[in-house]
Each structure stands twice: as structure tokens, then as C-alpha cells.
Amino acid sequence: MASTDSTGTAETGPRRRHLSPFRWAFPIVVVTLLASLLGVMYLDYVVDPEKNLHDFPIALVNQDVGDDLKTGDQVQHVNFGDQVADGLRAAVPADQIDLRVLGINEAQLQMQSARVYGTIIIPSDFSKRLGILGVGSVVPGEISKPVLTLQTNPRTGAFATAVVQKFGEQALTQVNDQVGKQLTDQVTKQLTPPPGAPPTELSGATRLVLAQPLNIVTEQFRPLPGGSGEGLTAFFYSLLLLLVGMVGAMIIHQLIDSALGFLPTEWGPWYVHFPRASISRLRTLLLKWSAIAVMAVVVSAVLEGIASLLGMPIDRPLLLFLYGALVIVAVGFTCAATLAAVGTAGLIINLIVFIILGLPSSGGTIPIEATPKYFGWLAKFEPMHQVFLGTRSILYFFGDGQAGLTRGVWMAVLGLVIGVVFGLFITRFYDRKGLERKPAAAPEPAA
């Protein structure tokens, strides 16, 4: 016997099937799978960056011109800078660090465009000062240790800076010990007395100086201005642009569909389902895209205004506004096209593409070179990485194209073109096939 509802109408079998175990369990399975994907992506991203370190670019600049050292009656030209450079190349794990031997100008250009995370500089007078230190350790007079400079690039992020500093601490300390051992042996040989003469020994203080002969200086290359969040403002601003594009497209999709009668409108206890409008899928999508475009311009200006009020330094405000609007339009158009193509499942697809896969492969908090290698593959096309590169270039590198702006703009344009072409094709195809958006026919009541 069929049950009845509050109006006295008999409930039929098809209506009771909405409570079947499969329909009840399906959303739990979907959420569990999404949570599992989230867990793998986010935890694998952050658990052990040092273990995942690979191809981490650091520049090595050797400016040492060498020096002529007199040994007895002979004069020998030496270049200790070359020895240090060779020692660094031998000591650095090639599978982790990409040590690039560059000139000073090229190294600075690559630092300015975020192509290297740090630079080791051997000065031009390195051999001369090291020779003076060896002589001065046994001859009265004032001397100073030769300097090795480790430059960090704080505009590439706090974690990248920490990796450079740790690398410098390990590698340069090892070099200091090796040079100290060689210098101590050299000075000891010079002090070897002729046969029959009393032995000459180095004092304890001299041995301490010679054991650690290098002065290793760490300095920042173009420090970040105040209000930059230690290099995190670019990441969070990029995240805002992407979220506005994705979430904004979903909200606009929902509200316009409600206004057109394709979905019910519900605000608290108020519920209404407007009559379905006679409008094609293509025109509906164009209407949503128009709203997204207007929203992108307004929100990009609002976000930049909020950033300025909060004291975030913005050197290129017009460029940031235009790029922000472009990103929101590209992401929003693509999300709306996905929803038009697959309906409700588009929410899950957008979440996976833009958030679950996008954030850990962005390189915004941990460099791509310190994450598992498959994140580098994702970063080649994932929207969040491209948005981050463009935003970071505008905020920290004065809009330098090589610092990521060129890639960020072209990838945003490419994403916009793909979204537009896909959206136009799929909605036009559905319309031509007569696949209208209308409720399914109600089942006939049982006899």
C-alpha cells in the first residue's frame, strides 16, 4: 500500500527511491575521494621539502684574478678562487643544486628576474688577501680575512631564502675547512728551518686563524620593502584572484540559473521557483560571461584598493589591476564553461583543477624545486602557478617579463581562449541537438 504525504496524495515508488542507500552513500564516497586527493597533494607537498630538493638554481661568481706568490727564489701565480670554485662544484650534490657558474652581470640579471635563488661571490682580490693572511700569520702587521659573499634573493620567498642559507652554511663551511687545511700546511712548510736550525712552530692563535681563514658574509640582494609579508603577499594575492574567478563564476552561475527558472531560489524560509525562461544554453552562457567580465573589473579594483589601504607596496598599480582583471576573467569564463558542459559535476572539476591540484603546484610557499617532481609537471599548465608568477613579477620584480609576467599573461590568455572556444562549442552543440534544460517528465501514478 502506498503511503500518503500531508496533502493526502499517495507517494509512489519512484519518490521513495530518493532515499535508497546508494543515493545516500554516493556523496559520502565523492567527498572521501576528494579528501584523499587533498591529503596526498597537500601532505606530499610539505612533508619533506629537503628530501625533494632538485635542480635548485644558485649562481657561482668567481671574480678572482689570482696573485703572484714568492716561494724561496721562485714566483708562482696562483688562483685560489678557482680552487674554491672547483671545490664547491665537487661538494655540491648535482641532483639537488643547479650550481651555475656565471659572470657578475649575468648573475645579477638572473637574481633580478628570479631565475636563481642565491649567488656565491668570490671577490677579485681573494687570492691576494689569502696570500697576505698566510704571510701575515707569521709576520707582524694588520691583516684581514678574505671574504666570500652569499647573496640571498628574498623576493623569491622565505623558504627559498632558507634553503640558500642552509646550503651556504654547509657548503661554504666545508670550503672554509679545506682552504684552512691547505693554508696551514703551506705556512708550516714555509717555516721549516734549514738543517741544524731550531724548529719554528705556529702559535695556537695563528693555527686558529689559519684553520678558518675565510670571512663568510651573508647579505640580501634587493631586500623586500615593508608590508610584503616576507614574500608571501604575492602568493595570497594570486590566491585571491583565482578564488574570485572560480567562486565568483559558481555564484553567478547559480544566481542567474535561479533567476531564469532553471533552479529554485531559496533564502532562509523563503522559497520560490520561477517559471523556466525560454532561452538557449548559448545565450545563457553569454549572459553569465557578461556578468563575470563586469565582476572581474570591479573586484580587481576593489582588491587592489584593499591592498593599498593595508599598506601593501604596489609599484605598478595599473599593471596589477589589468592583470588581476584578466586572471579573473580567464578563470571565471573557464569555470562557467565547465559548468555549462557537465552541470553540477563541474563544481567538482573546478575544485580539483583550480584548488586541489593548483595550490601545492603553485610554488608560492615552497619552491617547485623543493617539491616532488610531479609537481613540476603540474606547474607547467596548472593555472595557480601561472597566476603566481605573473603577480610576483608585478609586486616584487617591477613587472619584469622574464620574472614570470610574460608567462603569466600568455597562459591567462591561452586559458581564456580555451574556455571561450570550449564553452561556445559545447553549448552550441547542445542547442543544435535539442538538449533543452527542462525537468524530466513526472512518472505516472501507480494504478
Protein backbone atom coordinates (compact mmCIF):
# COMPACT_ATOMS: atom_id res chain seq x y z
CA MET A 1 0.00 0.00 0.00
CA ALA A 2 1.35 3.44 -0.95
CA SER A 3 1.89 5.98 1.87
CA THR A 4 0.43 9.48 1.76
CA ASP A 5 2.00 12.89 2.33
CA SER A 6 0.49 15.84 4.24
CA THR A 7 -1.79 16.72 1.33
CA GLY A 8 -3.23 13.26 1.17
CA THR A 9 -1.52 12.46 -2.15
CA ALA A 10 -0.22 8.93 -2.43
CA GLU A 11 3.57 8.63 -2.58
CA THR A 12 4.73 6.42 -5.38
CA GLY A 13 7.67 4.06 -5.65
CA PRO A 14 9.89 6.41 -7.69
CA ARG A 15 9.66 9.09 -4.99
CA ARG A 16 10.79 6.70 -2.26
CA ARG A 17 13.84 5.75 -4.32
CA HIS A 18 15.45 9.12 -3.42
CA LEU A 19 16.14 7.58 -0.02
CA SER A 20 17.86 4.47 -1.36
CA PRO A 21 21.21 3.51 0.26
CA PHE A 22 23.09 4.18 -2.98
CA ARG A 23 21.83 7.76 -3.26
CA TRP A 24 22.58 8.37 0.40
CA ALA A 25 26.13 6.94 0.22
CA PHE A 26 27.17 8.49 -3.11
CA PRO A 27 28.00 11.98 -1.77
CA ILE A 28 30.00 10.42 1.09
CA VAL A 29 32.08 8.45 -1.41
CA VAL A 30 32.68 11.56 -3.53
CA VAL A 31 33.79 13.64 -0.54
CA THR A 32 36.05 10.82 0.70
CA LEU A 33 37.78 10.58 -2.68
CA LEU A 34 38.26 14.35 -2.83
CA ALA A 35 39.62 14.37 0.72
CA SER A 36 42.05 11.58 -0.18
CA LEU A 37 43.30 13.55 -3.18
CA LEU A 38 43.65 16.63 -0.99
CA GLY A 39 45.62 14.66 1.58
CA VAL A 40 48.04 13.24 -0.97
CA MET A 41 48.64 16.54 -2.74
CA TYR A 42 48.98 18.82 0.28
CA LEU A 43 50.90 16.49 2.61
CA ASP A 44 53.29 15.20 -0.05
CA TYR A 45 53.89 18.85 -0.93
CA VAL A 46 55.03 19.89 2.53
CA VAL A 47 56.21 16.80 4.47
CA ASP A 48 59.89 16.77 3.43
CA PRO A 49 61.00 19.62 1.10
CA GLU A 50 64.72 18.96 1.71
CA LYS A 51 64.36 15.35 0.56
CA ASN A 52 62.53 16.53 -2.56
CA LEU A 53 65.12 19.21 -3.43
CA HIS A 54 66.15 19.06 -7.10
CA ASP A 55 67.56 21.46 -9.71
CA PHE A 56 67.60 24.31 -7.18
CA PRO A 57 69.39 27.15 -9.05
CA ILE A 58 72.25 29.00 -7.33
CA ALA A 59 74.80 31.17 -9.15
CA LEU A 60 78.56 30.99 -8.55
CA VAL A 61 80.60 34.07 -9.50
CA ASN A 62 84.38 33.80 -9.43
CA GLN A 63 85.98 37.23 -9.90
CA ASP A 64 89.37 36.25 -8.50
CA VAL A 65 92.24 37.42 -10.74
CA GLY A 66 94.86 35.43 -8.83
CA ASP A 67 98.15 36.58 -7.32
CA ASP A 68 101.89 36.01 -7.60
CA LEU A 69 103.32 34.29 -4.54
CA LYS A 70 107.04 34.13 -3.86
CA THR A 71 108.30 30.81 -2.62
CA GLY A 72 112.02 30.97 -1.95
CA ASP A 73 113.60 32.27 -5.13
CA GLN A 74 110.63 31.35 -7.31
CA VAL A 75 107.47 33.31 -8.09
CA GLN A 76 104.34 31.27 -8.71
CA HIS A 77 100.99 32.57 -9.99
CA VAL A 78 98.10 31.08 -8.02
CA ASN A 79 94.33 31.45 -8.19
CA PHE A 80 92.69 30.28 -5.00
CA GLY A 81 89.30 31.40 -6.33
CA ASP A 82 89.47 28.69 -9.00
CA GLN A 83 90.29 26.12 -6.32
CA VAL A 84 87.34 27.23 -4.21
CA ALA A 85 85.01 27.16 -7.23
CA ASP A 86 86.20 23.65 -8.14
CA GLY A 87 85.74 22.55 -4.55
CA LEU A 88 82.20 23.91 -4.46
CA ARG A 89 81.27 22.17 -7.70
CA ALA A 90 82.65 18.91 -6.34
CA ALA A 91 80.97 19.29 -2.94
CA VAL A 92 77.51 20.33 -4.16
CA PRO A 93 75.10 17.42 -4.80
CA ALA A 94 74.32 17.80 -8.51
CA ASP A 95 70.95 16.09 -8.17
CA GLN A 96 69.83 18.76 -5.68
CA ILE A 97 71.58 22.02 -6.56
CA ASP A 98 71.93 23.52 -10.02
CA LEU A 99 75.18 25.46 -9.49
CA ARG A 100 75.53 27.91 -12.39
CA VAL A 101 78.97 29.43 -12.99
CA LEU A 102 78.18 32.96 -14.22
CA GLY A 103 79.71 36.39 -14.55
CA ILE A 104 78.65 39.02 -12.04
CA ASN A 105 76.40 40.89 -14.50
CA GLU A 106 74.58 37.76 -15.66
CA ALA A 107 74.20 36.57 -12.05
CA GLN A 108 72.59 39.87 -11.06
CA LEU A 109 70.26 39.74 -14.08
CA GLN A 110 69.15 36.25 -13.10
CA MET A 111 68.67 37.35 -9.49
CA GLN A 112 66.56 40.30 -10.68
CA SER A 113 64.33 38.00 -12.73
CA ALA A 114 64.02 35.22 -10.11
CA ARG A 115 65.89 32.69 -12.26
CA VAL A 116 68.30 31.93 -9.41
CA TYR A 117 67.61 31.87 -5.68
CA GLY A 118 71.05 32.96 -4.49
CA THR A 119 74.62 33.81 -5.52
CA ILE A 120 78.05 32.94 -4.14
CA ILE A 121 80.60 35.66 -4.95
CA ILE A 122 84.38 35.15 -4.83
CA PRO A 123 85.92 38.66 -4.98
CA SER A 124 88.72 39.74 -7.33
CA ASP A 125 91.29 40.09 -4.51
CA PHE A 126 90.57 36.71 -2.94
CA SER A 127 93.96 35.13 -3.75
CA LYS A 128 95.82 38.29 -2.79
CA ARG A 129 94.14 38.50 0.62
CA LEU A 130 94.57 34.81 1.27
CA GLY A 131 98.27 35.10 0.47
CA ILE A 132 98.59 38.10 2.76
CA LEU A 133 96.83 36.13 5.50
CA GLY A 134 99.36 33.31 5.14
CA VAL A 135 102.31 35.69 5.35
CA GLY A 136 100.71 37.88 8.00
CA SER A 137 100.13 34.95 10.30
CA VAL A 138 103.90 34.84 10.96
CA VAL A 139 104.89 38.43 10.17
CA PRO A 140 103.73 41.33 12.41
CA GLY A 141 101.12 43.67 10.96
CA GLU A 142 97.39 44.08 10.47
CA ILE A 143 95.62 41.64 8.20
CA SER A 144 92.01 40.80 7.31
CA LYS A 145 90.42 37.56 6.23
CA PRO A 146 89.41 37.16 2.58
CA VAL A 147 85.65 37.41 2.08
CA LEU A 148 83.18 35.02 0.46
CA THR A 149 79.74 36.57 -0.04
CA LEU A 150 76.50 34.59 -0.08
CA GLN A 151 73.65 36.65 -1.52
CA THR A 152 70.09 35.52 -0.90
CA ASN A 153 67.13 36.54 -3.05
CA PRO A 154 64.31 37.32 -0.57
CA ARG A 155 61.89 38.25 -3.35
CA THR A 156 61.68 34.58 -4.33
CA GLY A 157 60.16 33.68 -0.95
CA ALA A 158 61.14 32.93 2.63
CA PHE A 159 61.54 29.19 2.12
CA ALA A 160 63.84 29.62 -0.89
CA THR A 161 65.94 32.02 1.18
CA ALA A 162 66.15 29.48 3.99
CA VAL A 163 67.35 26.79 1.55
CA VAL A 164 70.06 29.11 0.21
CA GLN A 165 71.22 29.98 3.71
CA LYS A 166 71.39 26.33 4.76
CA PHE A 167 73.25 25.42 1.59
CA GLY A 168 75.71 28.25 2.21
CA GLU A 169 76.23 27.21 5.81
CA GLN A 170 77.04 23.63 4.82
CA ALA A 171 78.98 24.10 1.56
CA LEU A 172 80.94 27.23 2.47
CA THR A 173 81.85 25.88 5.90
CA GLN A 174 83.26 22.81 4.19
CA VAL A 175 85.22 25.02 1.78
CA ASN A 176 86.49 27.10 4.71
CA ASP A 177 87.82 23.98 6.40
CA GLN A 178 89.53 22.75 3.23
CA VAL A 179 91.16 26.10 2.47
CA GLY A 180 92.23 26.35 6.10
CA LYS A 181 93.92 22.97 5.99
CA GLN A 182 95.76 23.84 2.76
CA LEU A 183 96.84 27.24 4.08
CA THR A 184 98.07 25.77 7.36
CA ASP A 185 100.15 23.17 5.52
CA GLN A 186 101.57 25.84 3.20
CA VAL A 187 102.60 28.14 6.06
CA THR A 188 104.06 25.23 8.02
CA LYS A 189 106.25 24.26 5.05
CA GLN A 190 107.45 27.86 4.69
CA LEU A 191 108.52 27.84 8.35
CA THR A 192 110.50 24.59 8.03
CA PRO A 193 114.02 25.59 9.21
CA PRO A 194 117.22 24.59 7.43
CA PRO A 195 119.17 21.63 8.81
CA GLY A 196 120.66 22.36 12.20
CA ALA A 197 118.43 25.37 12.91
CA PRO A 198 115.97 25.34 15.83
CA PRO A 199 112.39 24.36 14.82
CA THR A 200 109.78 27.10 14.39
CA GLU A 201 106.19 26.31 15.36
CA LEU A 202 102.93 28.16 14.78
CA SER A 203 101.29 29.61 17.84
CA GLY A 204 97.86 28.39 18.92
CA ALA A 205 96.23 31.68 17.95
CA THR A 206 97.81 31.54 14.50
CA ARG A 207 96.57 27.99 13.97
CA LEU A 208 93.03 29.08 14.89
CA VAL A 209 93.15 31.89 12.35
CA LEU A 210 94.54 29.65 9.62
CA ALA A 211 92.03 26.86 10.35
CA GLN A 212 89.13 29.17 9.47
CA PRO A 213 90.71 31.69 7.09
CA LEU A 214 87.58 32.89 5.27
CA ASN A 215 85.08 35.53 6.33
CA ILE A 216 81.72 34.26 5.04
CA VAL A 217 79.23 37.11 4.72
CA THR A 218 75.52 36.60 4.07
CA GLU A 219 73.58 39.53 2.62
CA GLN A 220 70.25 40.13 0.92
CA PHE A 221 70.04 41.05 -2.74
CA ARG A 222 67.38 43.77 -3.11
CA PRO A 223 65.59 43.28 0.22
CA LEU A 224 61.80 43.31 0.21
CA PRO A 225 60.07 46.51 1.33
CA GLY A 226 57.92 46.54 4.43
CA GLY A 227 54.39 45.25 4.01
CA SER A 228 55.43 42.37 1.71
CA GLY A 229 54.70 39.64 4.23
CA GLU A 230 58.21 38.16 3.92
CA GLY A 231 57.45 37.39 0.29
CA LEU A 232 54.00 35.86 0.85
CA THR A 233 51.80 38.73 -0.36
CA ALA A 234 52.28 37.65 -3.99
CA PHE A 235 51.03 34.14 -3.20
CA PHE A 236 47.97 35.27 -1.26
CA TYR A 237 47.08 37.94 -3.80
CA SER A 238 47.29 35.29 -6.53
CA LEU A 239 45.10 33.01 -4.45
CA LEU A 240 42.54 35.79 -4.09
CA LEU A 241 42.41 36.33 -7.86
CA LEU A 242 41.96 32.64 -8.54
CA LEU A 243 39.32 32.17 -5.84
CA VAL A 244 37.35 35.19 -7.02
CA GLY A 245 37.39 33.86 -10.57
CA MET A 246 36.31 30.35 -9.59
CA VAL A 247 33.90 31.06 -6.74
CA GLY A 248 32.53 34.14 -8.49
CA ALA A 249 31.73 32.09 -11.59
CA MET A 250 29.94 29.48 -9.48
CA ILE A 251 27.88 32.10 -7.64
CA ILE A 252 26.95 33.86 -10.86
CA HIS A 253 26.06 30.51 -12.43
CA GLN A 254 23.77 29.67 -9.51
CA LEU A 255 22.03 33.04 -9.23
CA ILE A 256 21.44 33.51 -12.96
CA ASP A 257 20.07 29.97 -13.28
CA SER A 258 17.74 30.72 -10.36
CA ALA A 259 16.58 33.97 -11.95
CA LEU A 260 15.93 32.16 -15.24
CA GLY A 261 13.92 29.45 -13.53
CA PHE A 262 16.36 26.56 -14.04
CA LEU A 263 17.00 26.28 -10.31
CA PRO A 264 14.84 27.13 -7.28
CA THR A 265 15.66 30.25 -5.28
CA GLU A 266 15.87 29.76 -1.53
CA TRP A 267 16.79 32.37 1.07
CA GLY A 268 16.18 31.06 4.56
CA PRO A 269 12.49 30.15 4.83
CA TRP A 270 11.68 31.94 1.58
CA TYR A 271 11.46 29.58 -1.38
CA VAL A 272 10.38 30.28 -4.93
CA HIS A 273 10.87 28.57 -8.25
CA PHE A 274 10.34 30.99 -11.11
CA PRO A 275 8.90 29.77 -14.41
CA ARG A 276 11.59 28.49 -16.74
CA ALA A 277 12.70 31.12 -19.25
CA SER A 278 12.78 30.33 -22.93
CA ILE A 279 16.50 30.84 -23.53
CA SER A 280 19.14 28.72 -25.20
CA ARG A 281 22.19 27.29 -23.46
CA LEU A 282 24.44 29.51 -25.56
CA ARG A 283 22.64 32.72 -24.63
CA THR A 284 22.60 31.67 -21.01
CA LEU A 285 26.38 31.18 -21.04
CA LEU A 286 26.92 34.54 -22.77
CA LEU A 287 24.80 36.18 -20.08
CA LYS A 288 26.94 34.59 -17.36
CA TRP A 289 30.16 35.59 -19.10
CA SER A 290 28.97 39.19 -19.30
CA ALA A 291 28.36 39.23 -15.55
CA ILE A 292 31.78 37.65 -14.90
CA ALA A 293 33.53 40.27 -17.04
CA VAL A 294 31.92 43.15 -15.15
CA MET A 295 32.63 41.41 -11.84
CA ALA A 296 36.31 40.95 -12.79
CA VAL A 297 36.88 44.66 -13.41
CA VAL A 298 35.11 45.72 -10.22
CA VAL A 299 36.71 43.12 -7.94
CA SER A 300 40.23 43.64 -9.32
CA ALA A 301 39.94 47.34 -8.44
CA VAL A 302 38.49 46.54 -5.02
CA LEU A 303 41.24 44.04 -4.15
CA GLU A 304 43.97 46.48 -5.16
CA GLY A 305 42.33 49.23 -3.12
CA ILE A 306 42.18 46.98 -0.06
CA ALA A 307 45.83 46.01 -0.51
CA SER A 308 46.84 49.67 -0.70
CA LEU A 309 44.83 50.58 2.39
CA LEU A 310 46.52 47.76 4.31
CA GLY A 311 49.95 49.11 3.39
CA MET A 312 51.00 46.55 0.78
CA PRO A 313 53.57 48.16 -1.56
CA ILE A 314 52.39 48.21 -5.20
CA ASP A 315 54.89 49.72 -7.64
CA ARG A 316 52.83 49.05 -10.78
CA PRO A 317 49.17 49.63 -9.75
CA LEU A 318 47.72 49.87 -13.28
CA LEU A 319 49.52 46.73 -14.40
CA LEU A 320 48.35 44.83 -11.31
CA PHE A 321 44.76 45.96 -11.90
CA LEU A 322 44.78 44.90 -15.56
CA TYR A 323 46.47 41.59 -14.84
CA GLY A 324 44.07 40.87 -11.97
CA ALA A 325 41.05 41.53 -14.20
CA LEU A 326 42.50 39.29 -16.92
CA VAL A 327 43.07 36.44 -14.48
CA ILE A 328 39.56 36.66 -13.01
CA VAL A 329 38.01 36.72 -16.49
CA ALA A 330 40.10 33.76 -17.70
CA VAL A 331 39.35 31.63 -14.63
CA GLY A 332 35.71 32.69 -14.45
CA PHE A 333 34.99 32.05 -18.15
CA THR A 334 36.61 28.60 -17.97
CA CYS A 335 34.70 27.64 -14.81
CA ALA A 336 31.40 28.82 -16.30
CA ALA A 337 32.08 26.84 -19.50
CA THR A 338 32.79 23.72 -17.43
CA LEU A 339 29.52 24.14 -15.53
CA ALA A 340 27.66 24.63 -18.82
CA ALA A 341 29.19 21.44 -20.19
CA VAL A 342 28.77 18.99 -17.31
CA GLY A 343 26.37 20.71 -14.92
CA THR A 344 26.70 20.10 -11.19
CA ALA A 345 29.74 17.86 -11.65
CA GLY A 346 31.52 20.97 -12.92
CA LEU A 347 31.80 22.13 -9.31
CA ILE A 348 33.99 19.11 -8.53
CA ILE A 349 36.06 19.51 -11.71
CA ASN A 350 36.72 23.19 -10.99
CA LEU A 351 37.67 22.39 -7.40
CA ILE A 352 40.16 19.74 -8.50
CA VAL A 353 41.75 21.78 -11.30
CA PHE A 354 41.99 25.16 -9.59
CA ILE A 355 42.38 24.31 -5.89
CA ILE A 356 43.34 20.70 -5.13
CA LEU A 357 45.98 20.44 -7.87
CA GLY A 358 46.66 24.16 -8.18
CA LEU A 359 47.74 25.32 -4.74
CA PRO A 360 50.52 22.80 -3.99
CA SER A 361 51.95 23.19 -7.51
CA SER A 362 51.89 27.00 -7.36
CA GLY A 363 55.40 27.42 -5.94
CA GLY A 364 54.06 30.26 -3.80
CA THR A 365 55.17 28.99 -0.41
CA ILE A 366 57.62 26.19 -1.23
CA PRO A 367 59.64 26.45 -4.48
CA ILE A 368 58.81 23.92 -7.18
CA GLU A 369 62.43 22.71 -6.91
CA ALA A 370 61.74 21.61 -3.31
CA THR A 371 58.61 19.56 -4.07
CA PRO A 372 58.18 16.08 -5.64
CA LYS A 373 58.96 16.16 -9.34
CA TYR A 374 55.38 15.58 -10.46
CA PHE A 375 54.52 18.99 -9.02
CA GLY A 376 56.91 20.47 -11.56
CA TRP A 377 54.94 18.74 -14.30
CA LEU A 378 51.69 20.14 -12.91
CA ALA A 379 53.21 23.62 -12.68
CA LYS A 380 53.68 23.69 -16.46
CA PHE A 381 49.94 24.11 -17.01
CA GLU A 382 48.17 24.49 -13.65
CA PRO A 383 46.56 27.98 -13.52
CA MET A 384 47.67 28.83 -9.98
CA HIS A 385 51.39 28.64 -10.82
CA GLN A 386 50.99 30.91 -13.82
CA VAL A 387 48.96 33.43 -11.81
CA PHE A 388 51.56 33.40 -9.04
CA LEU A 389 54.45 34.02 -11.44
CA GLY A 390 52.68 36.99 -13.01
CA THR A 391 51.62 38.50 -9.68
CA ARG A 392 55.05 38.03 -8.10
CA SER A 393 56.69 39.70 -11.09
CA ILE A 394 54.43 42.76 -10.73
CA LEU A 395 54.75 43.07 -6.95
CA TYR A 396 58.43 42.18 -6.41
CA PHE A 397 60.25 42.43 -9.77
CA PHE A 398 58.76 45.63 -11.26
CA GLY A 399 56.80 43.72 -13.90
CA ASP A 400 59.87 42.07 -15.44
CA GLY A 401 58.71 39.75 -18.21
CA GLN A 402 61.49 37.21 -17.53
CA ALA A 403 60.50 37.08 -13.87
CA GLY A 404 57.19 35.48 -14.86
CA LEU A 405 54.91 38.22 -16.16
CA THR A 406 55.23 37.20 -19.81
CA ARG A 407 54.39 33.59 -18.98
CA GLY A 408 51.58 34.64 -16.65
CA VAL A 409 49.91 36.85 -19.27
CA TRP A 410 50.18 34.42 -22.15
CA MET A 411 48.97 31.47 -20.09
CA ALA A 412 46.00 33.54 -18.88
CA VAL A 413 45.17 34.46 -22.47
CA LEU A 414 45.53 30.82 -23.53
CA GLY A 415 43.25 29.70 -20.71
CA LEU A 416 40.70 32.34 -21.68
CA VAL A 417 40.75 31.25 -25.33
CA ILE A 418 40.35 27.59 -24.36
CA GLY A 419 37.44 28.43 -22.04
CA VAL A 420 35.67 30.57 -24.65
CA VAL A 421 36.11 28.08 -27.51
CA PHE A 422 35.06 25.15 -25.34
CA GLY A 423 32.04 26.99 -23.92
CA LEU A 424 30.81 28.19 -27.32
CA PHE A 425 31.28 24.78 -28.91
CA ILE A 426 29.59 22.72 -26.20
CA THR A 427 26.58 24.98 -25.68
CA ARG A 428 26.04 25.37 -29.41
CA PHE A 429 26.28 21.60 -29.79
CA TYR A 430 23.70 21.01 -27.03
CA ASP A 431 21.34 23.58 -28.59
CA ARG A 432 21.59 22.05 -32.05
CA LYS A 433 20.85 18.60 -30.61
CA GLY A 434 17.76 19.97 -28.90
CA LEU A 435 19.06 19.15 -25.41
CA GLU A 436 16.98 21.69 -23.53
CA ARG A 437 17.28 22.41 -19.84
CA LYS A 438 13.90 21.27 -18.56
CA PRO A 439 12.61 18.97 -15.83
CA ALA A 440 12.13 15.31 -16.61
CA ALA A 441 8.56 14.17 -17.12
CA ALA A 442 6.83 13.16 -13.90
CA PRO A 443 6.16 9.40 -13.60
CA GLU A 444 2.59 8.27 -13.97
CA PRO A 445 0.97 7.26 -10.67
CA ALA A 446 0.66 3.57 -10.00
CA ALA A 447 -2.75 2.03 -10.56
